[in-house]
Amino acid sequence: MNDDRTHQDLRERVALVTGGTSGIGLATACALAARGADVVLCGRDPARGRAALEQVRGGGRASFVAADVTDEEQVVALVDTVVREHGRLDIAFNNAANREALTSSGAFTDMSLAEFFAHARAEPGSGHGRGPPGQRGAL
């Protein structure tokens, strides 16, 4: 398939990848950097963050910010850091997973609706996030 969107130039774009120290997050960070984006990796472990940066920097500029995305205050601080250091945030790839924090059993499929909404923190009309009042935020 010849789709120009798959080869999009992302120079002058800033991308935040949560869960960016391994797996799908790291692969996505590398792909974004290869297309020219400035990539900010987020994870809980600074040592894993440093190791991931070595791979991502091969394709472009990258930095790491340690944060636990299950903590709303840390997420707000993360976004504030990205915007302060880069002047903008164009792409957010929300990939982080912490299944142990999701449910009492640790199994996503066993999650009740109450647990889902407690962790999603983005019910329509709840005002959570950083968007206009009454609308879901972008994160």
C-alpha atoms as a PDB file:
ATOM      1  CA  MET A   1       0.000   0.000   0.000  1.00  0.00           C
ATOM      2  CA  ASN A   2       1.360   3.408  -0.938  1.00  0.00           C
ATOM      3  CA  ASP A   3       0.136   5.664   1.860  1.00  0.00           C
ATOM      4  CA  ASP A   4       1.994   8.966   2.398  1.00  0.00           C
ATOM      5  CA  ARG A   5       0.800   9.062   6.007  1.00  0.00           C
ATOM      6  CA  THR A   6       3.062   6.112   6.867  1.00  0.00           C
ATOM      7  CA  HIS A   7       6.125   8.211   5.974  1.00  0.00           C
ATOM      8  CA  GLN A   8       5.030  11.478   7.552  1.00  0.00           C
ATOM      9  CA  ASP A   9       7.760  13.977   8.357  1.00  0.00           C
ATOM     10  CA  LEU A  10       7.571  14.736  12.070  1.00  0.00           C
ATOM     11  CA  ARG A  11      10.364  17.299  12.312  1.00  0.00           C
ATOM     12  CA  GLU A  12       9.488  20.126  14.704  1.00  0.00           C
ATOM     13  CA  ARG A  13       6.944  17.868  16.432  1.00  0.00           C
ATOM     14  CA  VAL A  14       7.202  16.786  20.064  1.00  0.00           C
ATOM     15  CA  ALA A  15       5.985  13.319  20.999  1.00  0.00           C
ATOM     16  CA  LEU A  16       5.460  11.898  24.483  1.00  0.00           C
ATOM     17  CA  VAL A  17       5.491   8.103  24.791  1.00  0.00           C
ATOM     18  CA  THR A  18       4.407   6.666  28.122  1.00  0.00           C
ATOM     19  CA  GLY A  19       5.640   3.146  28.746  1.00  0.00           C
ATOM     20  CA  GLY A  20       8.427   4.070  26.355  1.00  0.00           C
ATOM     21  CA  THR A  21      11.208   2.018  27.919  1.00  0.00           C
ATOM     22  CA  SER A  22      10.283  -1.335  26.357  1.00  0.00           C
ATOM     23  CA  GLY A  23       8.039  -3.212  23.959  1.00  0.00           C
ATOM     24  CA  ILE A  24       5.493  -1.368  21.861  1.00  0.00           C
ATOM     25  CA  GLY A  25       6.280   1.957  23.545  1.00  0.00           C
ATOM     26  CA  LEU A  26       9.981   1.733  22.757  1.00  0.00           C
ATOM     27  CA  ALA A  27       9.312   0.615  19.168  1.00  0.00           C
ATOM     28  CA  THR A  28       6.905   3.531  18.725  1.00  0.00           C
ATOM     29  CA  ALA A  29       9.420   5.991  20.196  1.00  0.00           C
ATOM     30  CA  CYS A  30      12.077   4.739  17.763  1.00  0.00           C
ATOM     31  CA  ALA A  31       9.677   5.091  14.812  1.00  0.00           C
ATOM     32  CA  LEU A  32       8.685   8.628  15.829  1.00  0.00           C
ATOM     33  CA  ALA A  33      12.336   9.639  16.234  1.00  0.00           C
ATOM     34  CA  ALA A  34      13.220   8.104  12.863  1.00  0.00           C
ATOM     35  CA  ARG A  35      10.619  10.404  11.298  1.00  0.00           C
ATOM     36  CA  GLY A  36      12.220  13.424  12.961  1.00  0.00           C
ATOM     37  CA  ALA A  37      10.142  13.957  16.107  1.00  0.00           C
ATOM     38  CA  ASP A  38      11.675  15.054  19.395  1.00  0.00           C
ATOM     39  CA  VAL A  39      10.641  12.163  21.626  1.00  0.00           C
ATOM     40  CA  VAL A  40      10.102  12.241  25.376  1.00  0.00           C
ATOM     41  CA  LEU A  41      10.062   8.789  26.922  1.00  0.00           C
ATOM     42  CA  CYS A  42       8.201   8.219  30.164  1.00  0.00           C
ATOM     43  CA  GLY A  43       8.557   5.294  32.526  1.00  0.00           C
ATOM     44  CA  ARG A  44       8.951   4.543  36.203  1.00  0.00           C
ATOM     45  CA  ASP A  45      12.554   3.285  36.138  1.00  0.00           C
ATOM     46  CA  PRO A  46      15.318   5.807  35.301  1.00  0.00           C
ATOM     47  CA  ALA A  47      17.828   3.018  34.555  1.00  0.00           C
ATOM     48  CA  ARG A  48      15.486   1.514  31.960  1.00  0.00           C
ATOM     49  CA  GLY A  49      14.897   5.030  30.646  1.00  0.00           C
ATOM     50  CA  ARG A  50      18.621   5.597  30.084  1.00  0.00           C
ATOM     51  CA  ALA A  51      18.931   2.255  28.281  1.00  0.00           C
ATOM     52  CA  ALA A  52      15.936   3.049  26.058  1.00  0.00           C
ATOM     53  CA  LEU A  53      17.356   6.463  25.172  1.00  0.00           C
ATOM     54  CA  GLU A  54      20.399   4.808  23.617  1.00  0.00           C
ATOM     55  CA  GLN A  55      18.109   3.073  21.120  1.00  0.00           C
ATOM     56  CA  VAL A  56      15.832   6.034  20.420  1.00  0.00           C
ATOM     57  CA  ARG A  57      18.626   8.581  19.950  1.00  0.00           C
ATOM     58  CA  GLY A  58      19.848   6.613  16.956  1.00  0.00           C
ATOM     59  CA  GLY A  59      16.935   8.087  15.041  1.00  0.00           C
ATOM     60  CA  GLY A  60      16.555  11.537  16.545  1.00  0.00           C
ATOM     61  CA  ARG A  61      16.495  13.653  19.698  1.00  0.00           C
ATOM     62  CA  ALA A  62      15.118  12.025  22.819  1.00  0.00           C
ATOM     63  CA  SER A  63      14.836  12.587  26.554  1.00  0.00           C
ATOM     64  CA  PHE A  64      13.428  10.691  29.512  1.00  0.00           C
ATOM     65  CA  VAL A  65      11.124  11.796  32.327  1.00  0.00           C
ATOM     66  CA  ALA A  66      10.416   9.409  35.195  1.00  0.00           C
ATOM     67  CA  ALA A  67       6.742   9.296  36.168  1.00  0.00           C
ATOM     68  CA  ASP A  68       4.106   6.849  37.341  1.00  0.00           C
ATOM     69  CA  VAL A  69       1.048   7.423  35.153  1.00  0.00           C
ATOM     70  CA  THR A  70      -1.243   5.910  37.795  1.00  0.00           C
ATOM     71  CA  ASP A  71      -0.614   9.078  39.832  1.00  0.00           C
ATOM     72  CA  GLU A  72      -2.532  12.040  38.408  1.00  0.00           C
ATOM     73  CA  GLU A  73      -0.188  14.625  39.957  1.00  0.00           C
ATOM     74  CA  GLN A  74       2.798  12.957  38.288  1.00  0.00           C
ATOM     75  CA  VAL A  75       0.980  12.978  34.929  1.00  0.00           C
ATOM     76  CA  VAL A  76       0.241  16.694  35.236  1.00  0.00           C
ATOM     77  CA  ALA A  77       3.892  17.336  36.156  1.00  0.00           C
ATOM     78  CA  LEU A  78       5.029  15.175  33.213  1.00  0.00           C
ATOM     79  CA  VAL A  79       3.002  17.162  30.687  1.00  0.00           C
ATOM     80  CA  ASP A  80       4.093  20.441  32.270  1.00  0.00           C
ATOM     81  CA  THR A  81       7.741  19.330  31.969  1.00  0.00           C
ATOM     82  CA  VAL A  82       7.356  18.414  28.300  1.00  0.00           C
ATOM     83  CA  VAL A  83       5.700  21.734  27.454  1.00  0.00           C
ATOM     84  CA  ARG A  84       8.204  23.744  29.510  1.00  0.00           C
ATOM     85  CA  GLU A  85      11.229  22.042  27.934  1.00  0.00           C
ATOM     86  CA  HIS A  86       9.937  21.799  24.356  1.00  0.00           C
ATOM     87  CA  GLY A  87       7.390  24.596  24.124  1.00  0.00           C
ATOM     88  CA  ARG A  88       4.672  22.237  22.930  1.00  0.00           C
ATOM     89  CA  LEU A  89       3.253  18.722  22.912  1.00  0.00           C
ATOM     90  CA  ASP A  90       1.986  17.486  19.551  1.00  0.00           C
ATOM     91  CA  ILE A  91       1.702  13.725  19.963  1.00  0.00           C
ATOM     92  CA  ALA A  92       0.852  11.676  23.060  1.00  0.00           C
ATOM     93  CA  PHE A  93       1.166   7.897  22.745  1.00  0.00           C
ATOM     94  CA  ASN A  94      -0.380   6.672  25.978  1.00  0.00           C
ATOM     95  CA  ASN A  95       1.047   3.197  26.197  1.00  0.00           C
ATOM     96  CA  ALA A  96       2.008   2.716  29.846  1.00  0.00           C
ATOM     97  CA  ALA A  97       0.545  -0.276  31.608  1.00  0.00           C
ATOM     98  CA  ASN A  98       0.715  -1.212  35.244  1.00  0.00           C
ATOM     99  CA  ARG A  99      -1.660  -4.116  35.557  1.00  0.00           C
ATOM    100  CA  GLU A 100      -0.825  -4.602  39.221  1.00  0.00           C
ATOM    101  CA  ALA A 101      -2.246  -1.148  39.952  1.00  0.00           C
ATOM    102  CA  LEU A 102      -5.437  -1.648  37.969  1.00  0.00           C
ATOM    103  CA  THR A 103      -7.361  -4.220  39.954  1.00  0.00           C
ATOM    104  CA  SER A 104      -7.206  -6.060  43.221  1.00  0.00           C
ATOM    105  CA  SER A 105      -6.515  -9.276  41.284  1.00  0.00           C
ATOM    106  CA  GLY A 106      -4.088  -7.696  38.789  1.00  0.00           C
ATOM    107  CA  ALA A 107      -6.171  -8.980  35.852  1.00  0.00           C
ATOM    108  CA  PHE A 108      -7.510  -6.322  33.482  1.00  0.00           C
ATOM    109  CA  THR A 109     -10.371  -8.599  32.406  1.00  0.00           C
ATOM    110  CA  ASP A 110     -11.595  -8.807  36.018  1.00  0.00           C
ATOM    111  CA  MET A 111     -11.909  -5.028  36.323  1.00  0.00           C
ATOM    112  CA  SER A 112     -15.236  -3.675  37.544  1.00  0.00           C
ATOM    113  CA  LEU A 113     -16.706  -0.504  36.042  1.00  0.00           C
ATOM    114  CA  ALA A 114     -15.911   1.345  39.273  1.00  0.00           C
ATOM    115  CA  GLU A 115     -12.241   0.305  39.017  1.00  0.00           C
ATOM    116  CA  PHE A 116     -12.152   1.243  35.326  1.00  0.00           C
ATOM    117  CA  PHE A 117     -13.473   4.750  35.911  1.00  0.00           C
ATOM    118  CA  ALA A 118     -11.264   5.232  38.961  1.00  0.00           C
ATOM    119  CA  HIS A 119      -8.163   4.524  36.849  1.00  0.00           C
ATOM    120  CA  ALA A 120      -9.248   6.035  33.548  1.00  0.00           C
ATOM    121  CA  ARG A 121     -10.003   9.371  35.245  1.00  0.00           C
ATOM    122  CA  ALA A 122     -11.577  10.533  32.028  1.00  0.00           C
ATOM    123  CA  GLU A 123     -15.315   9.870  32.216  1.00  0.00           C
ATOM    124  CA  PRO A 124     -17.164  12.013  29.659  1.00  0.00           C
ATOM    125  CA  GLY A 125     -18.167  15.244  31.339  1.00  0.00           C
ATOM    126  CA  SER A 126     -16.066  14.607  34.441  1.00  0.00           C
ATOM    127  CA  GLY A 127     -13.833  17.617  33.876  1.00  0.00           C
ATOM    128  CA  HIS A 128     -10.695  15.526  34.415  1.00  0.00           C
ATOM    129  CA  GLY A 129      -7.767  16.110  32.118  1.00  0.00           C
ATOM    130  CA  ARG A 130      -6.611  19.397  30.696  1.00  0.00           C
ATOM    131  CA  GLY A 131      -9.375  20.232  28.234  1.00  0.00           C
ATOM    132  CA  PRO A 132     -12.318  22.630  28.436  1.00  0.00           C
ATOM    133  CA  PRO A 133     -14.703  22.146  31.400  1.00  0.00           C
ATOM    134  CA  GLY A 134     -17.190  19.355  30.771  1.00  0.00           C
ATOM    135  CA  GLN A 135     -15.058  17.682  28.109  1.00  0.00           C
ATOM    136  CA  ARG A 136     -12.474  14.947  28.394  1.00  0.00           C
ATOM    137  CA  GLY A 137      -8.847  15.985  28.413  1.00  0.00           C
ATOM    138  CA  ALA A 138      -6.389  14.985  25.731  1.00  0.00           C
ATOM    139  CA  LEU A 139      -4.435  12.707  28.075  1.00  0.00           C
END
